[in-house]
Amino acid sequence: MGRTNRISMSLVHKELPSAAFLSKCLSDENRLRILLFLKNGKKSVSQIVEELHLSQPLVSHHLKELKRSLLVKIERNGPFIYYEVTDGKVIDIIAELAVLAKELLAGRKVF
C-alpha cells in the first residue's frame, strides 16, 4: 500500500485504462520470463530462444507484444536486433507481484 499512498487516487483513476493495457501484456508467463531475462541487458532473439527454451516464432510474437506495450525497446546493430527492458521499474513490479501471489496463494491447493 505504500506506493499508492504516494500517488493521488484521482491520478490513479485517470491512468486505469493505461494500467489495464500494461497488465494485459504482463498477464502471460512467457512475457514475464522474457522481461526477467532482459533485466541484465540487451539480448537477441536467438539468445532469448536458447535461454528460455521457447520457439523462435513464440519469442518473436511475445517481443512484438512487449514492444507494442512499450515495455521493451530495440536496438539495431547491423543485421542484428537486440531487445532490452525500457524501464527497470517493471522488473521491480514483477518481483512485487510474485511476492504478493505467493502470499495470497500460500494456502491454496488448486486454481
PDB file of N, CA and C in Angstrom:
ATOM      1  N   MET A   1       0.801  -1.192   0.000  1.00  0.00           N
ATOM      2  CA  MET A   1       0.000   0.000   0.000  1.00  0.00           C
ATOM      3  C   MET A   1       0.851   1.266   0.000  1.00  0.00           C
ATOM      4  N   GLY A   2       2.115   1.179   0.359  1.00  0.00           N
ATOM      5  CA  GLY A   2       2.961   2.342   0.442  1.00  0.00           C
ATOM      6  C   GLY A   2       3.042   3.127  -0.853  1.00  0.00           C
ATOM      7  N   ARG A   3       3.111   2.424  -1.973  1.00  0.00           N
ATOM      8  CA  ARG A   3       3.222   3.090  -3.272  1.00  0.00           C
ATOM      9  C   ARG A   3       1.971   3.906  -3.570  1.00  0.00           C
ATOM     10  N   THR A   4       0.776   3.350  -3.301  1.00  0.00           N
ATOM     11  CA  THR A   4      -0.460   4.082  -3.586  1.00  0.00           C
ATOM     12  C   THR A   4      -0.643   5.253  -2.638  1.00  0.00           C
ATOM     13  N   ASN A   5      -0.054   5.205  -1.456  1.00  0.00           N
ATOM     14  CA  ASN A   5      -0.130   6.342  -0.543  1.00  0.00           C
ATOM     15  C   ASN A   5       0.568   7.561  -1.127  1.00  0.00           C
ATOM     16  N   ARG A   6       1.591   7.343  -1.934  1.00  0.00           N
ATOM     17  CA  ARG A   6       2.355   8.441  -2.520  1.00  0.00           C
ATOM     18  C   ARG A   6       1.711   8.985  -3.791  1.00  0.00           C
ATOM     19  N   ILE A   7       0.770   8.260  -4.347  1.00  0.00           N
ATOM     20  CA  ILE A   7       0.129   8.659  -5.591  1.00  0.00           C
ATOM     21  C   ILE A   7      -1.311   9.061  -5.294  1.00  0.00           C
ATOM     22  N   SER A   8      -1.723  10.201  -5.814  1.00  0.00           N
ATOM     23  CA  SER A   8      -3.098  10.623  -5.563  1.00  0.00           C
ATOM     24  C   SER A   8      -4.060   9.663  -6.237  1.00  0.00           C
ATOM     25  N   MET A   9      -5.173   9.379  -5.567  1.00  0.00           N
ATOM     26  CA  MET A   9      -6.144   8.436  -6.097  1.00  0.00           C
ATOM     27  C   MET A   9      -6.795   8.961  -7.374  1.00  0.00           C
ATOM     28  N   SER A  10      -6.946  10.285  -7.520  1.00  0.00           N
ATOM     29  CA  SER A  10      -7.525  10.808  -8.760  1.00  0.00           C
ATOM     30  C   SER A  10      -6.603  10.509  -9.944  1.00  0.00           C
ATOM     31  N   LEU A  11      -5.295  10.606  -9.730  1.00  0.00           N
ATOM     32  CA  LEU A  11      -4.341  10.266 -10.782  1.00  0.00           C
ATOM     33  C   LEU A  11      -4.444   8.782 -11.116  1.00  0.00           C
ATOM     34  N   VAL A  12      -4.544   7.956 -10.104  1.00  0.00           N
ATOM     35  CA  VAL A  12      -4.667   6.517 -10.327  1.00  0.00           C
ATOM     36  C   VAL A  12      -5.885   6.221 -11.186  1.00  0.00           C
ATOM     37  N   HIS A  13      -7.027   6.814 -10.872  1.00  0.00           N
ATOM     38  CA  HIS A  13      -8.247   6.566 -11.640  1.00  0.00           C
ATOM     39  C   HIS A  13      -8.101   7.020 -13.089  1.00  0.00           C
ATOM     40  N   LYS A  14      -7.421   8.116 -13.324  1.00  0.00           N
ATOM     41  CA  LYS A  14      -7.220   8.610 -14.686  1.00  0.00           C
ATOM     42  C   LYS A  14      -6.342   7.654 -15.494  1.00  0.00           C
ATOM     43  N   GLU A  15      -5.455   6.957 -14.826  1.00  0.00           N
ATOM     44  CA  GLU A  15      -4.499   6.090 -15.504  1.00  0.00           C
ATOM     45  C   GLU A  15      -4.943   4.628 -15.562  1.00  0.00           C
ATOM     46  N   LEU A  16      -6.139   4.312 -15.100  1.00  0.00           N
ATOM     47  CA  LEU A  16      -6.595   2.916 -15.097  1.00  0.00           C
ATOM     48  C   LEU A  16      -6.610   2.278 -16.484  1.00  0.00           C
ATOM     49  N   PRO A  17      -7.070   2.958 -17.536  1.00  0.00           N
ATOM     50  CA  PRO A  17      -7.017   2.313 -18.852  1.00  0.00           C
ATOM     51  C   PRO A  17      -5.586   1.929 -19.265  1.00  0.00           C
ATOM     52  N   SER A  18      -4.631   2.803 -18.982  1.00  0.00           N
ATOM     53  CA  SER A  18      -3.234   2.501 -19.309  1.00  0.00           C
ATOM     54  C   SER A  18      -2.709   1.355 -18.455  1.00  0.00           C
ATOM     55  N   ALA A  19      -3.075   1.363 -17.189  1.00  0.00           N
ATOM     56  CA  ALA A  19      -2.645   0.286 -16.294  1.00  0.00           C
ATOM     57  C   ALA A  19      -3.233  -1.045 -16.740  1.00  0.00           C
ATOM     58  N   ALA A  20      -4.488  -1.037 -17.165  1.00  0.00           N
ATOM     59  CA  ALA A  20      -5.120  -2.264 -17.652  1.00  0.00           C
ATOM     60  C   ALA A  20      -4.423  -2.766 -18.911  1.00  0.00           C
ATOM     61  N   PHE A  21      -4.051  -1.858 -19.793  1.00  0.00           N
ATOM     62  CA  PHE A  21      -3.346  -2.214 -21.025  1.00  0.00           C
ATOM     63  C   PHE A  21      -2.021  -2.915 -20.701  1.00  0.00           C
ATOM     64  N   LEU A  22      -1.247  -2.335 -19.789  1.00  0.00           N
ATOM     65  CA  LEU A  22       0.028  -2.947 -19.406  1.00  0.00           C
ATOM     66  C   LEU A  22      -0.182  -4.258 -18.658  1.00  0.00           C
ATOM     67  N   SER A  23      -1.203  -4.309 -17.819  1.00  0.00           N
ATOM     68  CA  SER A  23      -1.483  -5.534 -17.068  1.00  0.00           C
ATOM     69  C   SER A  23      -1.797  -6.695 -17.998  1.00  0.00           C
ATOM     70  N   LYS A  24      -2.521  -6.412 -19.062  1.00  0.00           N
ATOM     71  CA  LYS A  24      -2.828  -7.467 -20.035  1.00  0.00           C
ATOM     72  C   LYS A  24      -1.551  -8.000 -20.658  1.00  0.00           C
ATOM     73  N   CYS A  25      -0.629  -7.113 -20.962  1.00  0.00           N
ATOM     74  CA  CYS A  25       0.631  -7.551 -21.549  1.00  0.00           C
ATOM     75  C   CYS A  25       1.436  -8.385 -20.554  1.00  0.00           C
ATOM     76  N   LEU A  26       1.343  -8.047 -19.284  1.00  0.00           N
ATOM     77  CA  LEU A  26       2.080  -8.764 -18.245  1.00  0.00           C
ATOM     78  C   LEU A  26       1.375 -10.039 -17.783  1.00  0.00           C
ATOM     79  N   SER A  27       0.232 -10.349 -18.363  1.00  0.00           N
ATOM     80  CA  SER A  27      -0.544 -11.497 -17.890  1.00  0.00           C
ATOM     81  C   SER A  27      -0.074 -12.828 -18.484  1.00  0.00           C
ATOM     82  N   ASP A  28       0.972 -12.810 -19.271  1.00  0.00           N
ATOM     83  CA  ASP A  28       1.485 -14.036 -19.877  1.00  0.00           C
ATOM     84  C   ASP A  28       2.814 -14.419 -19.222  1.00  0.00           C
ATOM     85  N   GLU A  29       2.902 -15.666 -18.752  1.00  0.00           N
ATOM     86  CA  GLU A  29       4.108 -16.112 -18.053  1.00  0.00           C
ATOM     87  C   GLU A  29       5.353 -16.027 -18.940  1.00  0.00           C
ATOM     88  N   ASN A  30       5.235 -16.356 -20.217  1.00  0.00           N
ATOM     89  CA  ASN A  30       6.401 -16.273 -21.098  1.00  0.00           C
ATOM     90  C   ASN A  30       6.886 -14.837 -21.258  1.00  0.00           C
ATOM     91  N   ARG A  31       5.972 -13.882 -21.306  1.00  0.00           N
ATOM     92  CA  ARG A  31       6.388 -12.477 -21.388  1.00  0.00           C
ATOM     93  C   ARG A  31       7.126 -12.058 -20.121  1.00  0.00           C
ATOM     94  N   LEU A  32       6.637 -12.529 -18.981  1.00  0.00           N
ATOM     95  CA  LEU A  32       7.329 -12.222 -17.726  1.00  0.00           C
ATOM     96  C   LEU A  32       8.730 -12.832 -17.730  1.00  0.00           C
ATOM     97  N   ARG A  33       8.838 -14.065 -18.204  1.00  0.00           N
ATOM     98  CA  ARG A  33      10.146 -14.726 -18.269  1.00  0.00           C
ATOM     99  C   ARG A  33      11.096 -13.946 -19.191  1.00  0.00           C
ATOM    100  N   ILE A  34      10.583 -13.481 -20.321  1.00  0.00           N
ATOM    101  CA  ILE A  34      11.408 -12.704 -21.249  1.00  0.00           C
ATOM    102  C   ILE A  34      11.872 -11.411 -20.585  1.00  0.00           C
ATOM    103  N   LEU A  35      10.965 -10.706 -19.942  1.00  0.00           N
ATOM    104  CA  LEU A  35      11.338  -9.459 -19.272  1.00  0.00           C
ATOM    105  C   LEU A  35      12.402  -9.706 -18.206  1.00  0.00           C
ATOM    106  N   LEU A  36      12.239 -10.753 -17.421  1.00  0.00           N
ATOM    107  CA  LEU A  36      13.227 -11.048 -16.387  1.00  0.00           C
ATOM    108  C   LEU A  36      14.581 -11.410 -16.988  1.00  0.00           C
ATOM    109  N   PHE A  37      14.567 -12.107 -18.119  1.00  0.00           N
ATOM    110  CA  PHE A  37      15.821 -12.433 -18.794  1.00  0.00           C
ATOM    111  C   PHE A  37      16.507 -11.172 -19.326  1.00  0.00           C
ATOM    112  N   LEU A  38      15.714 -10.203 -19.745  1.00  0.00           N
ATOM    113  CA  LEU A  38      16.273  -8.971 -20.295  1.00  0.00           C
ATOM    114  C   LEU A  38      16.746  -7.987 -19.229  1.00  0.00           C
ATOM    115  N   LYS A  39      16.494  -8.295 -17.968  1.00  0.00           N
ATOM    116  CA  LYS A  39      16.847  -7.324 -16.915  1.00  0.00           C
ATOM    117  C   LYS A  39      18.346  -7.053 -16.843  1.00  0.00           C
ATOM    118  N   ASN A  40      19.163  -7.983 -17.328  1.00  0.00           N
ATOM    119  CA  ASN A  40      20.611  -7.798 -17.263  1.00  0.00           C
ATOM    120  C   ASN A  40      21.212  -7.212 -18.532  1.00  0.00           C
ATOM    121  N   GLY A  41      20.362  -6.713 -19.409  1.00  0.00           N
ATOM    122  CA  GLY A  41      20.892  -6.055 -20.597  1.00  0.00           C
ATOM    123  C   GLY A  41      20.304  -6.568 -21.894  1.00  0.00           C
ATOM    124  N   LYS A  42      20.813  -6.032 -22.969  1.00  0.00           N
ATOM    125  CA  LYS A  42      20.304  -6.311 -24.305  1.00  0.00           C
ATOM    126  C   LYS A  42      20.551  -7.761 -24.702  1.00  0.00           C
ATOM    127  N   LYS A  43      19.528  -8.348 -25.347  1.00  0.00           N
ATOM    128  CA  LYS A  43      19.641  -9.729 -25.818  1.00  0.00           C
ATOM    129  C   LYS A  43      19.019  -9.825 -27.205  1.00  0.00           C
ATOM    130  N   SER A  44      19.533 -10.739 -27.996  1.00  0.00           N
ATOM    131  CA  SER A  44      18.966 -11.013 -29.307  1.00  0.00           C
ATOM    132  C   SER A  44      17.857 -12.049 -29.168  1.00  0.00           C
ATOM    133  N   VAL A  45      17.066 -12.180 -30.225  1.00  0.00           N
ATOM    134  CA  VAL A  45      16.002 -13.187 -30.217  1.00  0.00           C
ATOM    135  C   VAL A  45      16.606 -14.566 -30.016  1.00  0.00           C
ATOM    136  N   SER A  46      17.702 -14.849 -30.700  1.00  0.00           N
ATOM    137  CA  SER A  46      18.307 -16.186 -30.577  1.00  0.00           C
ATOM    138  C   SER A  46      18.792 -16.456 -29.153  1.00  0.00           C
ATOM    139  N   GLN A  47      19.305 -15.451 -28.461  1.00  0.00           N
ATOM    140  CA  GLN A  47      19.715 -15.635 -27.063  1.00  0.00           C
ATOM    141  C   GLN A  47      18.505 -15.939 -26.185  1.00  0.00           C
ATOM    142  N   ILE A  48      17.404 -15.251 -26.428  1.00  0.00           N
ATOM    143  CA  ILE A  48      16.183 -15.480 -25.647  1.00  0.00           C
ATOM    144  C   ILE A  48      15.652 -16.881 -25.908  1.00  0.00           C
ATOM    145  N   VAL A  49      15.613 -17.279 -27.171  1.00  0.00           N
ATOM    146  CA  VAL A  49      15.142 -18.616 -27.555  1.00  0.00           C
ATOM    147  C   VAL A  49      15.969 -19.678 -26.846  1.00  0.00           C
ATOM    148  N   GLU A  50      17.286 -19.534 -26.915  1.00  0.00           N
ATOM    149  CA  GLU A  50      18.189 -20.524 -26.328  1.00  0.00           C
ATOM    150  C   GLU A  50      18.045 -20.598 -24.809  1.00  0.00           C
ATOM    151  N   GLU A  51      18.015 -19.462 -24.156  1.00  0.00           N
ATOM    152  CA  GLU A  51      17.966 -19.435 -22.689  1.00  0.00           C
ATOM    153  C   GLU A  51      16.626 -19.915 -22.138  1.00  0.00           C
ATOM    154  N   LEU A  52      15.532 -19.524 -22.771  1.00  0.00           N
ATOM    155  CA  LEU A  52      14.206 -19.819 -22.226  1.00  0.00           C
ATOM    156  C   LEU A  52      13.576 -21.069 -22.821  1.00  0.00           C
ATOM    157  N   HIS A  53      14.244 -21.674 -23.793  1.00  0.00           N
ATOM    158  CA  HIS A  53      13.754 -22.914 -24.423  1.00  0.00           C
ATOM    159  C   HIS A  53      12.353 -22.738 -24.995  1.00  0.00           C
ATOM    160  N   LEU A  54      12.180 -21.637 -25.716  1.00  0.00           N
ATOM    161  CA  LEU A  54      10.928 -21.343 -26.401  1.00  0.00           C
ATOM    162  C   LEU A  54      11.214 -21.300 -27.895  1.00  0.00           C
ATOM    163  N   SER A  55      10.187 -21.497 -28.705  1.00  0.00           N
ATOM    164  CA  SER A  55      10.382 -21.447 -30.150  1.00  0.00           C
ATOM    165  C   SER A  55      10.619 -20.003 -30.600  1.00  0.00           C
ATOM    166  N   GLN A  56      11.323 -19.858 -31.717  1.00  0.00           N
ATOM    167  CA  GLN A  56      11.601 -18.534 -32.242  1.00  0.00           C
ATOM    168  C   GLN A  56      10.319 -17.777 -32.597  1.00  0.00           C
ATOM    169  N   PRO A  57       9.333 -18.430 -33.256  1.00  0.00           N
ATOM    170  CA  PRO A  57       8.099 -17.691 -33.547  1.00  0.00           C
ATOM    171  C   PRO A  57       7.366 -17.220 -32.278  1.00  0.00           C
ATOM    172  N   LEU A  58       7.382 -18.042 -31.235  1.00  0.00           N
ATOM    173  CA  LEU A  58       6.721 -17.658 -29.984  1.00  0.00           C
ATOM    174  C   LEU A  58       7.431 -16.471 -29.344  1.00  0.00           C
ATOM    175  N   VAL A  59       8.750 -16.511 -29.296  1.00  0.00           N
ATOM    176  CA  VAL A  59       9.514 -15.396 -28.729  1.00  0.00           C
ATOM    177  C   VAL A  59       9.268 -14.122 -29.534  1.00  0.00           C
ATOM    178  N   SER A  60       9.282 -14.231 -30.854  1.00  0.00           N
ATOM    179  CA  SER A  60       9.045 -13.055 -31.701  1.00  0.00           C
ATOM    180  C   SER A  60       7.661 -12.465 -31.448  1.00  0.00           C
ATOM    181  N   HIS A  61       6.666 -13.326 -31.299  1.00  0.00           N
ATOM    182  CA  HIS A  61       5.308 -12.856 -31.005  1.00  0.00           C
ATOM    183  C   HIS A  61       5.273 -12.094 -29.683  1.00  0.00           C
ATOM    184  N   HIS A  62       5.861 -12.663 -28.651  1.00  0.00           N
ATOM    185  CA  HIS A  62       5.840 -12.013 -27.334  1.00  0.00           C
ATOM    186  C   HIS A  62       6.644 -10.716 -27.339  1.00  0.00           C
ATOM    187  N   LEU A  63       7.761 -10.696 -28.040  1.00  0.00           N
ATOM    188  CA  LEU A  63       8.542  -9.462 -28.131  1.00  0.00           C
ATOM    189  C   LEU A  63       7.754  -8.372 -28.856  1.00  0.00           C
ATOM    190  N   LYS A  64       7.000  -8.750 -29.866  1.00  0.00           N
ATOM    191  CA  LYS A  64       6.159  -7.786 -30.574  1.00  0.00           C
ATOM    192  C   LYS A  64       5.142  -7.169 -29.618  1.00  0.00           C
ATOM    193  N   GLU A  65       4.519  -8.001 -28.778  1.00  0.00           N
ATOM    194  CA  GLU A  65       3.545  -7.502 -27.808  1.00  0.00           C
ATOM    195  C   GLU A  65       4.212  -6.629 -26.745  1.00  0.00           C
ATOM    196  N   LEU A  66       5.374  -7.044 -26.274  1.00  0.00           N
ATOM    197  CA  LEU A  66       6.100  -6.250 -25.277  1.00  0.00           C
ATOM    198  C   LEU A  66       6.539  -4.903 -25.859  1.00  0.00           C
ATOM    199  N   LYS A  67       6.937  -4.904 -27.113  1.00  0.00           N
ATOM    200  CA  LYS A  67       7.326  -3.651 -27.779  1.00  0.00           C
ATOM    201  C   LYS A  67       6.099  -2.766 -27.970  1.00  0.00           C
ATOM    202  N   ARG A  68       4.987  -3.356 -28.385  1.00  0.00           N
ATOM    203  CA  ARG A  68       3.744  -2.593 -28.582  1.00  0.00           C
ATOM    204  C   ARG A  68       3.307  -1.940 -27.276  1.00  0.00           C
ATOM    205  N   SER A  69       3.567  -2.609 -26.155  1.00  0.00           N
ATOM    206  CA  SER A  69       3.198  -2.088 -24.840  1.00  0.00           C
ATOM    207  C   SER A  69       4.274  -1.184 -24.249  1.00  0.00           C
ATOM    208  N   LEU A  70       5.310  -0.930 -25.011  1.00  0.00           N
ATOM    209  CA  LEU A  70       6.412  -0.040 -24.611  1.00  0.00           C
ATOM    210  C   LEU A  70       7.212  -0.583 -23.434  1.00  0.00           C
ATOM    211  N   LEU A  71       7.162  -1.891 -23.199  1.00  0.00           N
ATOM    212  CA  LEU A  71       7.917  -2.494 -22.100  1.00  0.00           C
ATOM    213  C   LEU A  71       9.326  -2.888 -22.518  1.00  0.00           C
ATOM    214  N   VAL A  72       9.537  -3.056 -23.823  1.00  0.00           N
ATOM    215  CA  VAL A  72      10.889  -3.299 -24.340  1.00  0.00           C
ATOM    216  C   VAL A  72      11.151  -2.340 -25.483  1.00  0.00           C
ATOM    217  N   LYS A  73      12.423  -2.087 -25.703  1.00  0.00           N
ATOM    218  CA  LYS A  73      12.831  -1.281 -26.849  1.00  0.00           C
ATOM    219  C   LYS A  73      13.865  -2.071 -27.628  1.00  0.00           C
ATOM    220  N   ILE A  74      14.073  -1.669 -28.865  1.00  0.00           N
ATOM    221  CA  ILE A  74      15.006  -2.399 -29.719  1.00  0.00           C
ATOM    222  C   ILE A  74      16.182  -1.517 -30.088  1.00  0.00           C
ATOM    223  N   GLU A  75      17.264  -2.208 -30.398  1.00  0.00           N
ATOM    224  CA  GLU A  75      18.460  -1.544 -30.921  1.00  0.00           C
ATOM    225  C   GLU A  75      18.956  -2.376 -32.087  1.00  0.00           C
ATOM    226  N   ARG A  76      19.113  -1.738 -33.209  1.00  0.00           N
ATOM    227  CA  ARG A  76      19.633  -2.433 -34.392  1.00  0.00           C
ATOM    228  C   ARG A  76      21.143  -2.241 -34.454  1.00  0.00           C
ATOM    229  N   ASN A  77      21.829  -3.343 -34.726  1.00  0.00           N
ATOM    230  CA  ASN A  77      23.279  -3.315 -34.880  1.00  0.00           C
ATOM    231  C   ASN A  77      23.611  -4.185 -36.086  1.00  0.00           C
ATOM    232  N   GLY A  78      23.701  -3.553 -37.247  1.00  0.00           N
ATOM    233  CA  GLY A  78      23.895  -4.306 -38.487  1.00  0.00           C
ATOM    234  C   GLY A  78      22.659  -5.156 -38.734  1.00  0.00           C
ATOM    235  N   PRO A  79      22.855  -6.441 -39.004  1.00  0.00           N
ATOM    236  CA  PRO A  79      21.699  -7.312 -39.277  1.00  0.00           C
ATOM    237  C   PRO A  79      21.005  -7.804 -37.997  1.00  0.00           C
ATOM    238  N   PHE A  80      21.549  -7.455 -36.862  1.00  0.00           N
ATOM    239  CA  PHE A  80      21.029  -7.971 -35.594  1.00  0.00           C
ATOM    240  C   PHE A  80      20.127  -6.957 -34.898  1.00  0.00           C
ATOM    241  N   ILE A  81      19.135  -7.481 -34.202  1.00  0.00           N
ATOM    242  CA  ILE A  81      18.238  -6.658 -33.396  1.00  0.00           C
ATOM    243  C   ILE A  81      18.361  -7.135 -31.962  1.00  0.00           C
ATOM    244  N   TYR A  82      18.558  -6.193 -31.068  1.00  0.00           N
ATOM    245  CA  TYR A  82      18.665  -6.510 -29.649  1.00  0.00           C
ATOM    246  C   TYR A  82      17.502  -5.864 -28.902  1.00  0.00           C
ATOM    247  N   TYR A  83      17.006  -6.579 -27.915  1.00  0.00           N
ATOM    248  CA  TYR A  83      15.881  -6.108 -27.105  1.00  0.00           C
ATOM    249  C   TYR A  83      16.370  -5.840 -25.700  1.00  0.00           C
ATOM    250  N   GLU A  84      15.782  -4.816 -25.081  1.00  0.00           N
ATOM    251  CA  GLU A  84      16.077  -4.536 -23.674  1.00  0.00           C
ATOM    252  C   GLU A  84      14.844  -3.940 -23.002  1.00  0.00           C
ATOM    253  N   VAL A  85      14.802  -4.055 -21.699  1.00  0.00           N
ATOM    254  CA  VAL A  85      13.697  -3.507 -20.918  1.00  0.00           C
ATOM    255  C   VAL A  85      13.753  -1.988 -21.011  1.00  0.00           C
ATOM    256  N   THR A  86      12.612  -1.387 -21.265  1.00  0.00           N
ATOM    257  CA  THR A  86      12.539   0.070 -21.401  1.00  0.00           C
ATOM    258  C   THR A  86      12.775   0.773 -20.072  1.00  0.00           C
ATOM    259  N   ASP A  87      12.186   0.240 -19.003  1.00  0.00           N
ATOM    260  CA  ASP A  87      12.293   0.853 -17.680  1.00  0.00           C
ATOM    261  C   ASP A  87      12.434  -0.254 -16.641  1.00  0.00           C
ATOM    262  N   GLY A  88      13.491  -0.214 -15.877  1.00  0.00           N
ATOM    263  CA  GLY A  88      13.760  -1.245 -14.875  1.00  0.00           C
ATOM    264  C   GLY A  88      12.700  -1.375 -13.796  1.00  0.00           C
ATOM    265  N   LYS A  89      11.829  -0.359 -13.669  1.00  0.00           N
ATOM    266  CA  LYS A  89      10.766  -0.442 -12.663  1.00  0.00           C
ATOM    267  C   LYS A  89       9.840  -1.631 -12.917  1.00  0.00           C
ATOM    268  N   VAL A  90       9.709  -2.025 -14.177  1.00  0.00           N
ATOM    269  CA  VAL A  90       8.825  -3.158 -14.476  1.00  0.00           C
ATOM    270  C   VAL A  90       9.356  -4.444 -13.832  1.00  0.00           C
ATOM    271  N   ILE A  91      10.655  -4.567 -13.708  1.00  0.00           N
ATOM    272  CA  ILE A  91      11.246  -5.742 -13.052  1.00  0.00           C
ATOM    273  C   ILE A  91      10.888  -5.727 -11.569  1.00  0.00           C
ATOM    274  N   ASP A  92      10.949  -4.558 -10.943  1.00  0.00           N
ATOM    275  CA  ASP A  92      10.559  -4.434  -9.533  1.00  0.00           C
ATOM    276  C   ASP A  92       9.084  -4.772  -9.342  1.00  0.00           C
ATOM    277  N   ILE A  93       8.248  -4.342 -10.270  1.00  0.00           N
ATOM    278  CA  ILE A  93       6.813  -4.621 -10.185  1.00  0.00           C
ATOM    279  C   ILE A  93       6.553  -6.114 -10.318  1.00  0.00           C
ATOM    280  N   ILE A  94       7.258  -6.772 -11.237  1.00  0.00           N
ATOM    281  CA  ILE A  94       7.105  -8.221 -11.393  1.00  0.00           C
ATOM    282  C   ILE A  94       7.516  -8.937 -10.109  1.00  0.00           C
ATOM    283  N   ALA A  95       8.608  -8.500  -9.506  1.00  0.00           N
ATOM    284  CA  ALA A  95       9.076  -9.111  -8.258  1.00  0.00           C
ATOM    285  C   ALA A  95       8.049  -8.919  -7.146  1.00  0.00           C
ATOM    286  N   GLU A  96       7.500  -7.715  -7.027  1.00  0.00           N
ATOM    287  CA  GLU A  96       6.482  -7.449  -6.003  1.00  0.00           C
ATOM    288  C   GLU A  96       5.227  -8.281  -6.255  1.00  0.00           C
ATOM    289  N   LEU A  97       4.849  -8.410  -7.506  1.00  0.00           N
ATOM    290  CA  LEU A  97       3.677  -9.199  -7.860  1.00  0.00           C
ATOM    291  C   LEU A  97       3.895 -10.672  -7.515  1.00  0.00           C
ATOM    292  N   ALA A  98       5.103 -11.169  -7.739  1.00  0.00           N
ATOM    293  CA  ALA A  98       5.413 -12.561  -7.398  1.00  0.00           C
ATOM    294  C   ALA A  98       5.312 -12.797  -5.895  1.00  0.00           C
ATOM    295  N   VAL A  99       5.798 -11.843  -5.104  1.00  0.00           N
ATOM    296  CA  VAL A  99       5.702 -11.957  -3.644  1.00  0.00           C
ATOM    297  C   VAL A  99       4.239 -11.934  -3.208  1.00  0.00           C
ATOM    298  N   LEU A 100       3.465 -11.019  -3.755  1.00  0.00           N
ATOM    299  CA  LEU A 100       2.047 -10.936  -3.422  1.00  0.00           C
ATOM    300  C   LEU A 100       1.325 -12.227  -3.795  1.00  0.00           C
ATOM    301  N   ALA A 101       1.620 -12.751  -4.975  1.00  0.00           N
ATOM    302  CA  ALA A 101       0.986 -14.004  -5.410  1.00  0.00           C
ATOM    303  C   ALA A 101       1.323 -15.137  -4.448  1.00  0.00           C
ATOM    304  N   LYS A 102       2.568 -15.211  -4.041  1.00  0.00           N
ATOM    305  CA  LYS A 102       2.986 -16.262  -3.110  1.00  0.00           C
ATOM    306  C   LYS A 102       2.230 -16.140  -1.790  1.00  0.00           C
ATOM    307  N   GLU A 103       2.123 -14.929  -1.282  1.00  0.00           N
ATOM    308  CA  GLU A 103       1.424 -14.705  -0.009  1.00  0.00           C
ATOM    309  C   GLU A 103      -0.069 -15.015  -0.124  1.00  0.00           C
ATOM    310  N   LEU A 104      -0.700 -14.533  -1.183  1.00  0.00           N
ATOM    311  CA  LEU A 104      -2.139 -14.738  -1.342  1.00  0.00           C
ATOM    312  C   LEU A 104      -2.497 -16.193  -1.605  1.00  0.00           C
ATOM    313  N   LEU A 105      -1.629 -16.880  -2.323  1.00  0.00           N
ATOM    314  CA  LEU A 105      -1.945 -18.245  -2.738  1.00  0.00           C
ATOM    315  C   LEU A 105      -1.282 -19.315  -1.866  1.00  0.00           C
ATOM    316  N   ALA A 106      -0.668 -18.912  -0.770  1.00  0.00           N
ATOM    317  CA  ALA A 106       0.083 -19.845   0.073  1.00  0.00           C
ATOM    318  C   ALA A 106      -0.725 -21.056   0.497  1.00  0.00           C
ATOM    319  N   GLY A 107      -1.970 -20.855   0.873  1.00  0.00           N
ATOM    320  CA  GLY A 107      -2.777 -21.973   1.360  1.00  0.00           C
ATOM    321  C   GLY A 107      -3.616 -22.656   0.298  1.00  0.00           C
ATOM    322  N   ARG A 108      -3.585 -22.147  -0.889  1.00  0.00           N
ATOM    323  CA  ARG A 108      -4.442 -22.680  -1.961  1.00  0.00           C
ATOM    324  C   ARG A 108      -3.779 -23.883  -2.622  1.00  0.00           C
ATOM    325  N   LYS A 109      -4.547 -24.946  -2.819  1.00  0.00           N
ATOM    326  CA  LYS A 109      -4.000 -26.164  -3.398  1.00  0.00           C
ATOM    327  C   LYS A 109      -4.292 -26.278  -4.896  1.00  0.00           C
ATOM    328  N   VAL A 110      -5.423 -25.742  -5.354  1.00  0.00           N
ATOM    329  CA  VAL A 110      -5.794 -25.816  -6.769  1.00  0.00           C
ATOM    330  C   VAL A 110      -6.256 -24.449  -7.247  1.00  0.00           C
ATOM    331  N   PHE A 111      -6.205 -24.237  -8.542  1.00  0.00           N
ATOM    332  CA  PHE A 111      -6.661 -22.980  -9.135  1.00  0.00           C
ATOM    333  C   PHE A 111      -8.007 -23.160  -9.752  1.00  0.00           C
TER     334      PHE A 111
END
